[in-house]
Amino acid sequence: MIAGGPYTTLATVTSPSYIDNDVTNGTCYYYVVSALNSTGESKNSNEASAIPQVAKPEAPTSLIANSGNAEVILSWNKVNTATSYNVKRAGTSNGDYTTIATTSTAIYTDNNVTNGITYYYVVSAVNAGGEGANSNEVSVTPQVAKPEAPTSLIANSGNSEVTLSWNKVDTATSYNVKRATTPGGDYTTIATTSEAIYTDNKVTNGMTYYYVVSAVNAGGEGANSNEVSVTPKNPAVTLEVTSVDKSKLGDEITAGIVIHNADKICAEDLKISFDTTKLQFVSAEGADGIKIYKEADMETGIKRYITASLGKANAANGDKILLKLKFKAIVKGEAKIDITNGRIADNSTLEMDVEEKNCGEKIILIEGVKDVNRSGEYTLLDLGIDAWYYGDVASATDTLQYNADQDGNGTIDDVDLSQIVMEIINNTNYPVNN
């Protein structure tokens, strides 16, 4: 097609307009128009030219932005006539936009951003006809995502304290510990900690508390964890017998009478029994700062002690030894020392019996010494050897060859000979003299 013709008549119409659909986009066409009536055709009009093109696409609609950790995700409604989209960003609202990407889909992730900075975005559609108008503007500030709620919160009570623990949240930098006095109630943040454990020691025994924990990072505070409830209380007072597990015949055994979980306990009334067939009572003494004011034999193998602390500095708090009892092991076997009853009092209003289940006992295994001549069993010969040394001090015997001092008291005496006779009788391998 060239300017000035020759022209080809395309159509005859009766209205002053015409649409030429038989054209190719991008080609320049030249047009003139003439008028007709019954007398003939007029001269041509002035010449006009035109190049048909695809229409520019409309502006995308419903642009939205979602922030993430150092990223912004944009999405918008698809424009049917678009072949691509220009994504534009500015640092101020309606500012100088810079095209940061061209994409063929109606979604784009911008990961070239900095957390904490606000960005402004528009998107335009593009086709062969050119670039359409910008979409609506959106603003967004990328942030670290808030952490998830901690899981598996548990609470353990103690004496005027509650220990909380929970599963660590990988994206958390700290945790807010919250407490209320009603379930699901108005929580108060009582602490912020970087560890997944916390001990609350500002609680009152006997009161129920409710706890939740939330995780925090640069993105903010996450949701609360599961709720737990707990009632701190004083642990039960217990009495324990402490001593060795094993002893030898003739050994002196010390048994400690110990109170646990005490709080200003200043006086005790204790009844203690022991196995008189295996143990011989030697002595009793109060521990440091404790005085025995009454020691009485209730019956064979049962003693009563009334003790008191000497001043507030010696009151029993927590764990404290009250008495030290000494016994001598006189016969082989299992010997028991048992606290059968215990009553305690503090410095103010408390006077109580310690529950039977909280009064302890101790089993001590008393083992026999080696036979006198070290043959491996007790026979009449062992008795004869000790009878020879009767009345001598142990050091005067042939200690390299004999265990003459059976009870370990330093002298060969009736106790030694009696013990040997008992061992002979109990020796099933020794033939009986009928």
Protein backbone atom coordinates (compact mmCIF):
# COMPACT_ATOMS: atom_id res chain seq x y z
CA MET A 1 0.00 0.00 0.00
CA ILE A 2 1.32 3.40 -0.94
CA ALA A 3 0.12 6.92 -0.42
CA GLY A 4 -1.85 8.50 -3.32
CA GLY A 5 -3.19 5.22 -4.71
CA PRO A 6 -4.13 3.58 -6.89
CA TYR A 7 -7.18 3.00 -4.65
CA THR A 8 -9.48 0.00 -4.62
CA THR A 9 -13.15 0.46 -3.76
CA LEU A 10 -13.82 -1.62 -0.64
CA ALA A 11 -17.52 -0.97 -0.11
CA THR A 12 -20.50 1.29 -0.82
CA VAL A 13 -22.36 2.42 2.30
CA THR A 14 -25.12 4.84 3.10
CA SER A 15 -23.79 5.98 6.50
CA PRO A 16 -20.81 8.28 7.12
CA SER A 17 -18.67 5.55 8.74
CA TYR A 18 -17.13 2.20 7.88
CA ILE A 19 -15.09 -0.51 9.58
CA ASP A 20 -12.48 -2.31 7.49
CA ASN A 21 -11.97 -5.80 8.96
CA ASP A 22 -9.88 -7.08 6.09
CA VAL A 23 -6.57 -5.71 7.32
CA THR A 24 -3.35 -7.01 8.87
CA ASN A 25 -1.99 -5.63 12.13
CA GLY A 26 1.14 -3.61 11.59
CA THR A 27 0.48 -2.75 7.92
CA CYS A 28 -0.14 0.89 6.92
CA TYR A 29 -3.30 1.48 4.83
CA TYR A 30 -4.38 4.65 2.94
CA TYR A 31 -8.04 5.58 2.52
CA VAL A 32 -10.17 8.10 0.53
CA VAL A 33 -13.97 8.42 0.29
CA SER A 34 -16.20 9.65 -2.61
CA ALA A 35 -19.90 10.59 -2.62
CA LEU A 36 -22.50 9.19 -5.03
CA ASN A 37 -25.95 10.36 -6.24
CA SER A 38 -28.12 10.02 -9.31
CA THR A 39 -25.91 12.30 -11.30
CA GLY A 40 -22.66 10.48 -10.61
CA GLU A 41 -19.60 10.19 -8.29
CA SER A 42 -17.78 13.06 -6.66
CA LYS A 43 -14.06 13.61 -6.38
CA ASN A 44 -12.11 11.72 -3.68
CA SER A 45 -11.84 13.11 -0.18
CA ASN A 46 -8.55 13.91 1.48
CA GLU A 47 -6.39 10.84 2.07
CA ALA A 48 -6.11 9.30 5.53
CA SER A 49 -3.77 6.53 6.70
CA ALA A 50 -3.92 4.05 9.59
CA ILE A 51 -1.94 1.08 10.96
CA PRO A 52 -4.20 -1.46 12.76
CA GLN A 53 -2.84 -2.77 16.10
CA VAL A 54 -3.87 -5.08 19.01
CA ALA A 55 -5.53 -3.01 21.76
CA LYS A 56 -3.46 -2.49 24.89
CA PRO A 57 -4.58 -4.73 27.77
CA GLU A 58 -6.58 -3.43 30.67
CA ALA A 59 -5.04 -2.80 34.07
CA PRO A 60 -4.84 -5.89 36.32
CA THR A 61 -7.32 -5.87 39.19
CA SER A 62 -7.26 -7.06 42.84
CA LEU A 63 -3.50 -6.88 43.35
CA ILE A 64 -2.68 -8.22 46.85
CA ALA A 65 0.59 -8.69 48.71
CA ASN A 66 1.56 -11.16 51.44
CA SER A 67 4.75 -10.76 53.42
CA GLY A 68 7.14 -13.47 54.54
CA ASN A 69 10.63 -13.70 55.90
CA ALA A 70 12.66 -11.48 53.53
CA GLU A 71 10.11 -11.98 50.76
CA VAL A 72 6.87 -10.53 49.33
CA ILE A 73 4.36 -12.64 47.41
CA LEU A 74 2.17 -10.72 44.93
CA SER A 75 -0.92 -12.01 43.12
CA TRP A 76 -3.61 -10.46 40.92
CA ASN A 77 -6.48 -11.30 38.57
CA LYS A 78 -5.44 -12.60 35.19
CA VAL A 79 -5.96 -10.27 32.19
CA ASN A 80 -7.20 -12.32 29.23
CA THR A 81 -5.53 -10.19 26.53
CA ALA A 82 -2.17 -9.99 28.29
CA THR A 83 0.89 -11.95 27.22
CA SER A 84 3.01 -10.82 30.20
CA TYR A 85 3.01 -8.56 33.24
CA ASN A 86 5.45 -5.93 34.46
CA VAL A 87 5.94 -5.97 38.25
CA LYS A 88 6.92 -2.55 39.60
CA ARG A 89 8.14 -1.44 43.01
CA ALA A 90 8.74 1.88 44.78
CA GLY A 91 9.96 3.02 48.16
CA THR A 92 7.12 5.53 48.64
CA SER A 93 3.43 5.52 47.89
CA ASN A 94 2.71 6.48 44.26
CA GLY A 95 6.45 6.99 43.93
CA ASP A 96 8.80 6.40 41.04
CA TYR A 97 8.15 2.76 40.24
CA THR A 98 10.94 0.57 38.96
CA THR A 99 10.11 -2.53 36.95
CA ILE A 100 11.71 -5.35 38.93
CA ALA A 101 10.42 -8.30 36.92
CA THR A 102 8.39 -9.44 33.91
CA THR A 103 6.35 -12.59 34.34
CA SER A 104 3.84 -14.55 32.30
CA THR A 105 1.80 -15.67 35.31
CA ALA A 106 -0.47 -13.71 37.65
CA ILE A 107 1.78 -14.30 40.67
CA TYR A 108 5.29 -13.19 41.61
CA THR A 109 7.59 -13.55 44.62
CA ASP A 110 10.00 -10.71 45.32
CA ASN A 111 12.82 -12.08 47.48
CA ASN A 112 15.10 -9.09 47.00
CA VAL A 113 13.69 -7.24 49.99
CA THR A 114 14.77 -6.42 53.54
CA ASN A 115 12.72 -7.26 56.62
CA GLY A 116 11.26 -4.20 58.31
CA ILE A 117 11.18 -1.96 55.21
CA THR A 118 7.87 -1.02 53.58
CA TYR A 119 7.55 -1.51 49.83
CA TYR A 120 4.88 -0.32 47.34
CA TYR A 121 3.87 -2.36 44.29
CA VAL A 122 1.81 -2.02 41.09
CA VAL A 123 1.48 -4.42 38.14
CA SER A 124 0.73 -3.65 34.46
CA ALA A 125 -0.35 -6.03 31.69
CA VAL A 126 1.48 -6.17 28.33
CA ASN A 127 0.63 -7.50 24.86
CA ALA A 128 1.49 -6.73 21.25
CA GLY A 129 -0.49 -3.52 21.54
CA GLY A 130 1.78 -2.29 24.31
CA GLU A 131 1.67 -1.87 28.08
CA GLY A 132 -1.61 -1.18 29.80
CA ALA A 133 -2.30 0.99 32.83
CA ASN A 134 -1.02 0.16 36.31
CA SER A 135 -3.08 -1.85 38.75
CA ASN A 136 -4.10 -0.72 42.19
CA GLU A 137 -1.16 -0.05 44.53
CA VAL A 138 -0.40 -2.28 47.54
CA SER A 139 2.10 -1.79 50.34
CA VAL A 140 3.72 -4.45 52.47
CA THR A 141 6.47 -4.78 55.10
CA PRO A 142 8.24 -8.17 55.02
CA GLN A 143 8.92 -9.72 58.41
CA VAL A 144 10.10 -12.94 59.96
CA ALA A 145 7.04 -15.14 60.34
CA LYS A 146 5.66 -15.30 63.87
CA PRO A 147 6.69 -18.50 65.66
CA GLU A 148 4.29 -21.35 66.23
CA ALA A 149 2.79 -22.03 69.65
CA PRO A 150 4.98 -24.10 71.98
CA THR A 151 3.76 -27.66 72.49
CA SER A 152 3.69 -30.12 75.39
CA LEU A 153 3.76 -27.57 78.21
CA ILE A 154 3.95 -29.40 81.54
CA ALA A 155 4.11 -28.17 85.14
CA ASN A 156 5.64 -29.76 88.22
CA SER A 157 4.89 -28.38 91.67
CA GLY A 158 7.28 -28.03 94.57
CA ASN A 159 7.36 -26.25 97.89
CA SER A 160 6.30 -22.68 97.01
CA GLU A 161 7.45 -23.12 93.42
CA VAL A 162 6.28 -24.36 90.02
CA THR A 163 8.67 -25.64 87.35
CA LEU A 164 7.42 -25.36 83.75
CA SER A 165 8.92 -26.99 80.67
CA TRP A 166 7.89 -27.24 77.01
CA ASN A 167 9.13 -28.26 73.57
CA LYS A 168 11.57 -25.82 71.99
CA VAL A 169 10.31 -23.77 69.01
CA ASP A 170 13.09 -23.58 66.40
CA THR A 171 12.19 -20.08 65.14
CA ALA A 172 11.77 -18.53 68.60
CA THR A 173 14.27 -16.16 70.18
CA SER A 174 12.45 -16.00 73.52
CA TYR A 175 9.32 -17.15 75.34
CA ASN A 176 6.69 -15.29 77.35
CA VAL A 177 5.53 -17.18 80.45
CA LYS A 178 1.98 -16.25 81.43
CA ARG A 179 -0.04 -17.07 84.55
CA ALA A 180 -3.66 -16.75 85.68
CA THR A 181 -5.66 -17.83 88.71
CA THR A 182 -8.66 -19.06 86.69
CA PRO A 183 -8.72 -21.49 83.77
CA GLY A 184 -8.50 -19.66 80.43
CA GLY A 185 -8.43 -16.47 82.47
CA ASP A 186 -6.71 -13.15 82.03
CA TYR A 187 -3.07 -14.17 81.77
CA THR A 188 -0.30 -11.95 83.06
CA THR A 189 3.17 -12.26 81.58
CA ILE A 190 5.34 -13.08 84.59
CA ALA A 191 8.65 -13.71 82.81
CA THR A 192 10.47 -13.75 79.48
CA THR A 193 13.10 -16.44 79.04
CA SER A 194 15.32 -17.73 76.25
CA GLU A 195 15.18 -21.32 77.53
CA ALA A 196 12.35 -23.85 77.25
CA ILE A 197 12.13 -24.15 81.03
CA TYR A 198 11.19 -21.75 83.82
CA THR A 199 10.70 -21.93 87.59
CA ASP A 200 8.07 -19.66 89.14
CA ASN A 201 8.93 -19.18 92.82
CA LYS A 202 6.41 -16.43 93.45
CA VAL A 203 3.52 -18.75 94.27
CA THR A 204 1.62 -19.69 97.41
CA ASN A 205 1.24 -23.26 98.58
CA GLY A 206 -2.33 -24.54 98.27
CA MET A 207 -3.37 -22.10 95.51
CA THR A 208 -4.04 -23.35 91.97
CA TYR A 209 -2.34 -21.54 89.09
CA TYR A 210 -2.91 -21.76 85.33
CA TYR A 211 -0.06 -21.28 82.84
CA VAL A 212 0.48 -20.83 79.11
CA VAL A 213 3.64 -19.99 77.17
CA SER A 214 4.07 -18.15 73.85
CA ALA A 215 7.08 -17.97 71.54
CA VAL A 216 8.52 -14.66 70.29
CA ASN A 217 10.85 -13.61 67.45
CA ALA A 218 11.42 -10.57 65.24
CA GLY A 219 8.09 -11.26 63.53
CA GLY A 220 6.20 -10.87 66.78
CA GLU A 221 4.57 -13.09 69.39
CA GLY A 222 2.97 -16.37 68.39
CA ALA A 223 -0.10 -18.07 69.80
CA ASN A 224 -0.31 -19.44 73.33
CA SER A 225 0.58 -23.02 74.15
CA ASN A 226 -1.73 -25.52 75.81
CA GLU A 227 -2.80 -24.51 79.32
CA VAL A 228 -1.63 -26.38 82.41
CA SER A 229 -2.78 -26.06 86.00
CA VAL A 230 -0.84 -26.87 89.14
CA THR A 231 -1.16 -26.44 92.91
CA PRO A 232 2.17 -26.04 94.74
CA LYS A 233 2.32 -27.50 98.23
CA ASN A 234 4.69 -28.46 100.99
CA PRO A 235 6.12 -31.94 100.41
CA ALA A 236 5.34 -34.43 103.15
CA VAL A 237 7.70 -34.57 106.11
CA THR A 238 9.47 -37.95 106.21
CA LEU A 239 11.74 -39.67 108.71
CA GLU A 240 14.54 -41.91 107.47
CA VAL A 241 17.00 -44.34 109.01
CA THR A 242 20.41 -44.10 107.35
CA SER A 243 23.20 -46.64 107.87
CA VAL A 244 25.42 -49.14 106.12
CA ASP A 245 23.89 -51.88 103.98
CA LYS A 246 26.24 -54.57 105.29
CA SER A 247 28.24 -55.14 108.46
CA LYS A 248 30.44 -57.82 110.03
CA LEU A 249 29.86 -59.58 113.29
CA GLY A 250 31.28 -57.50 116.12
CA ASP A 251 31.25 -54.27 114.11
CA GLU A 252 29.80 -51.12 115.61
CA ILE A 253 27.00 -49.74 113.46
CA THR A 254 25.90 -46.09 113.48
CA ALA A 255 22.32 -45.36 112.41
CA GLY A 256 21.26 -41.79 111.66
CA ILE A 257 17.69 -40.67 112.23
CA VAL A 258 17.05 -38.02 109.56
CA ILE A 259 14.11 -35.69 108.97
CA HIS A 260 13.32 -34.54 105.40
CA ASN A 261 11.28 -31.60 104.07
CA ALA A 262 11.28 -29.92 107.48
CA ASP A 263 10.24 -26.32 107.99
CA LYS A 264 11.34 -24.78 111.31
CA ILE A 265 10.85 -28.07 113.16
CA CYS A 266 12.17 -27.58 116.70
CA ALA A 267 10.99 -30.62 118.71
CA GLU A 268 10.58 -34.33 118.06
CA ASP A 269 9.10 -37.34 119.91
CA LEU A 270 10.36 -40.54 118.26
CA LYS A 271 9.83 -44.21 118.89
CA ILE A 272 12.48 -46.51 117.40
CA SER A 273 12.61 -50.30 117.40
CA PHE A 274 15.54 -52.58 116.60
CA ASP A 275 16.19 -56.30 116.23
CA THR A 276 17.61 -57.40 119.58
CA THR A 277 18.47 -60.86 118.23
CA LYS A 278 20.97 -59.35 115.81
CA LEU A 279 21.85 -55.99 117.36
CA GLN A 280 23.05 -54.86 120.78
CA PHE A 281 22.24 -51.26 121.66
CA VAL A 282 25.35 -49.22 122.56
CA SER A 283 24.47 -45.52 122.82
CA ALA A 284 22.49 -42.56 121.48
CA GLU A 285 23.45 -38.94 120.97
CA GLY A 286 21.79 -35.89 119.50
CA ALA A 287 23.16 -34.55 116.24
CA ASP A 288 24.69 -31.07 116.00
CA GLY A 289 22.43 -28.55 117.74
CA ILE A 290 19.98 -31.25 118.87
CA LYS A 291 19.69 -32.40 122.49
CA ILE A 292 18.09 -35.57 123.81
CA TYR A 293 15.89 -34.56 126.73
CA LYS A 294 14.36 -37.97 127.31
CA GLU A 295 15.57 -41.48 126.47
CA ALA A 296 13.32 -44.31 127.62
CA ASP A 297 13.05 -48.05 127.08
CA MET A 298 9.42 -48.66 126.16
CA GLU A 299 9.96 -52.41 126.03
CA THR A 300 12.66 -54.76 124.80
CA GLY A 301 14.02 -53.43 121.52
CA ILE A 302 11.90 -50.24 121.52
CA LYS A 303 13.28 -46.85 122.61
CA ARG A 304 11.66 -43.44 122.88
CA TYR A 305 13.51 -40.17 122.37
CA ILE A 306 12.24 -36.66 123.01
CA THR A 307 14.59 -34.14 121.41
CA ALA A 308 14.71 -30.40 120.84
CA SER A 309 16.74 -27.92 118.79
CA LEU A 310 19.04 -25.60 120.70
CA GLY A 311 18.00 -22.24 119.27
CA LYS A 312 16.51 -21.09 115.97
CA ALA A 313 19.81 -21.62 114.14
CA ASN A 314 19.55 -25.34 114.86
CA ALA A 315 15.88 -25.79 113.88
CA ALA A 316 15.36 -28.47 111.23
CA ASN A 317 14.86 -26.97 107.79
CA GLY A 318 14.89 -29.20 104.73
CA ASP A 319 16.97 -32.27 105.60
CA LYS A 320 18.64 -32.66 109.01
CA ILE A 321 20.10 -35.45 111.14
CA LEU A 322 18.32 -35.62 114.50
CA LEU A 323 19.89 -38.61 116.27
CA LYS A 324 22.86 -40.92 115.99
CA LEU A 325 22.26 -44.40 117.40
CA LYS A 326 25.06 -46.92 117.86
CA PHE A 327 24.62 -50.71 117.83
CA LYS A 328 26.89 -53.74 117.86
CA ALA A 329 26.33 -56.56 115.38
CA ILE A 330 26.07 -59.75 117.44
CA VAL A 331 24.46 -62.36 115.18
CA LYS A 332 24.53 -62.97 111.45
CA GLY A 333 21.45 -62.22 109.35
CA GLU A 334 19.19 -59.32 108.45
CA ALA A 335 18.72 -56.78 111.23
CA LYS A 336 16.05 -54.08 111.08
CA ILE A 337 16.04 -50.62 112.66
CA ASP A 338 12.59 -49.04 112.36
CA ILE A 339 11.03 -45.66 113.21
CA THR A 340 7.64 -46.86 114.40
CA ASN A 341 6.21 -43.48 115.42
CA GLY A 342 7.17 -39.85 115.00
CA ARG A 343 5.65 -36.61 116.26
CA ILE A 344 7.06 -33.19 115.40
CA ALA A 345 6.44 -29.55 116.32
CA ASP A 346 7.58 -26.24 114.90
CA ASN A 347 8.18 -22.86 116.55
CA SER A 348 4.63 -21.60 116.11
CA THR A 349 1.45 -23.65 115.70
CA LEU A 350 2.35 -26.96 114.09
CA GLU A 351 2.25 -30.19 116.09
CA MET A 352 1.66 -33.29 113.99
CA ASP A 353 2.22 -37.03 113.76
CA VAL A 354 4.32 -38.16 110.83
CA GLU A 355 2.30 -40.65 108.81
CA GLU A 356 3.36 -44.26 109.25
CA LYS A 357 4.12 -44.59 105.55
CA ASN A 358 6.59 -41.69 105.94
CA CYS A 359 8.45 -43.29 108.85
CA GLY A 360 11.36 -45.23 107.41
CA GLU A 361 13.28 -48.35 108.29
CA LYS A 362 16.69 -49.79 107.48
CA ILE A 363 17.64 -53.42 106.85
CA ILE A 364 21.30 -54.22 107.53
CA LEU A 365 22.86 -57.52 106.47
CA ILE A 366 25.21 -58.80 109.20
CA GLU A 367 27.77 -61.18 107.78
CA GLY A 368 29.83 -63.67 109.77
CA VAL A 369 33.61 -63.52 109.89
CA LYS A 370 35.84 -66.32 108.58
CA ASP A 371 36.18 -69.47 110.62
CA VAL A 372 39.09 -69.47 113.09
CA ASN A 373 41.56 -71.70 111.26
CA ARG A 374 40.42 -70.54 107.81
CA SER A 375 39.52 -74.00 106.62
CA GLY A 376 36.34 -72.74 105.03
CA GLU A 377 33.90 -74.06 107.63
CA TYR A 378 33.35 -74.06 111.36
CA THR A 379 34.29 -77.25 113.20
CA LEU A 380 35.14 -78.29 116.76
CA LEU A 381 38.78 -77.47 115.98
CA ASP A 382 37.89 -73.79 115.66
CA LEU A 383 36.39 -73.93 119.15
CA GLY A 384 39.53 -75.64 120.51
CA ILE A 385 41.82 -72.97 119.07
CA ASP A 386 39.79 -70.14 120.58
CA ALA A 387 39.56 -72.00 123.91
CA TRP A 388 43.39 -72.07 123.92
CA TYR A 389 43.53 -68.30 123.51
CA TYR A 390 40.67 -67.58 125.92
CA GLY A 391 41.39 -64.42 127.96
CA ASP A 392 44.16 -63.24 125.64
CA VAL A 393 44.12 -59.98 123.74
CA ALA A 394 43.65 -60.46 120.01
CA SER A 395 47.11 -59.15 119.18
CA ALA A 396 48.66 -61.94 121.27
CA THR A 397 47.14 -64.62 119.01
CA ASP A 398 48.65 -65.90 115.77
CA THR A 399 46.74 -63.43 113.58
CA LEU A 400 48.56 -64.57 110.46
CA GLN A 401 47.06 -68.04 110.85
CA TYR A 402 43.89 -67.59 112.92
CA ASN A 403 40.77 -65.38 113.13
CA ALA A 404 40.50 -65.92 116.87
CA ASP A 405 38.80 -62.61 117.69
CA GLN A 406 35.45 -63.46 116.12
CA ASP A 407 33.47 -60.49 117.49
CA GLY A 408 36.25 -57.96 116.93
CA ASN A 409 36.28 -56.57 120.47
CA GLY A 410 40.03 -57.09 120.88
CA THR A 411 39.79 -59.97 123.39
CA ILE A 412 39.13 -63.68 123.09
CA ASP A 413 36.09 -64.19 125.35
CA ASP A 414 32.78 -65.99 125.82
CA VAL A 415 31.19 -64.08 122.92
CA ASP A 416 33.79 -65.54 120.55
CA LEU A 417 33.36 -69.08 121.80
CA SER A 418 29.55 -68.83 121.81
CA GLN A 419 29.60 -67.56 118.23
CA ILE A 420 31.79 -70.46 117.15
CA VAL A 421 29.46 -72.99 118.79
CA MET A 422 26.46 -71.42 116.99
CA GLU A 423 28.29 -71.64 113.66
CA ILE A 424 29.20 -75.30 114.31
CA ILE A 425 25.55 -76.14 115.00
CA ASN A 426 24.47 -74.29 111.83
CA ASN A 427 27.12 -76.04 109.68
CA THR A 428 25.14 -78.75 107.89
CA ASN A 429 28.37 -80.29 106.59
CA TYR A 430 29.68 -80.95 110.09
CA PRO A 431 28.82 -84.51 111.25
CA VAL A 432 26.73 -84.59 114.40
CA ASN A 433 28.23 -86.45 117.39
CA ASN A 434 25.47 -88.84 118.34
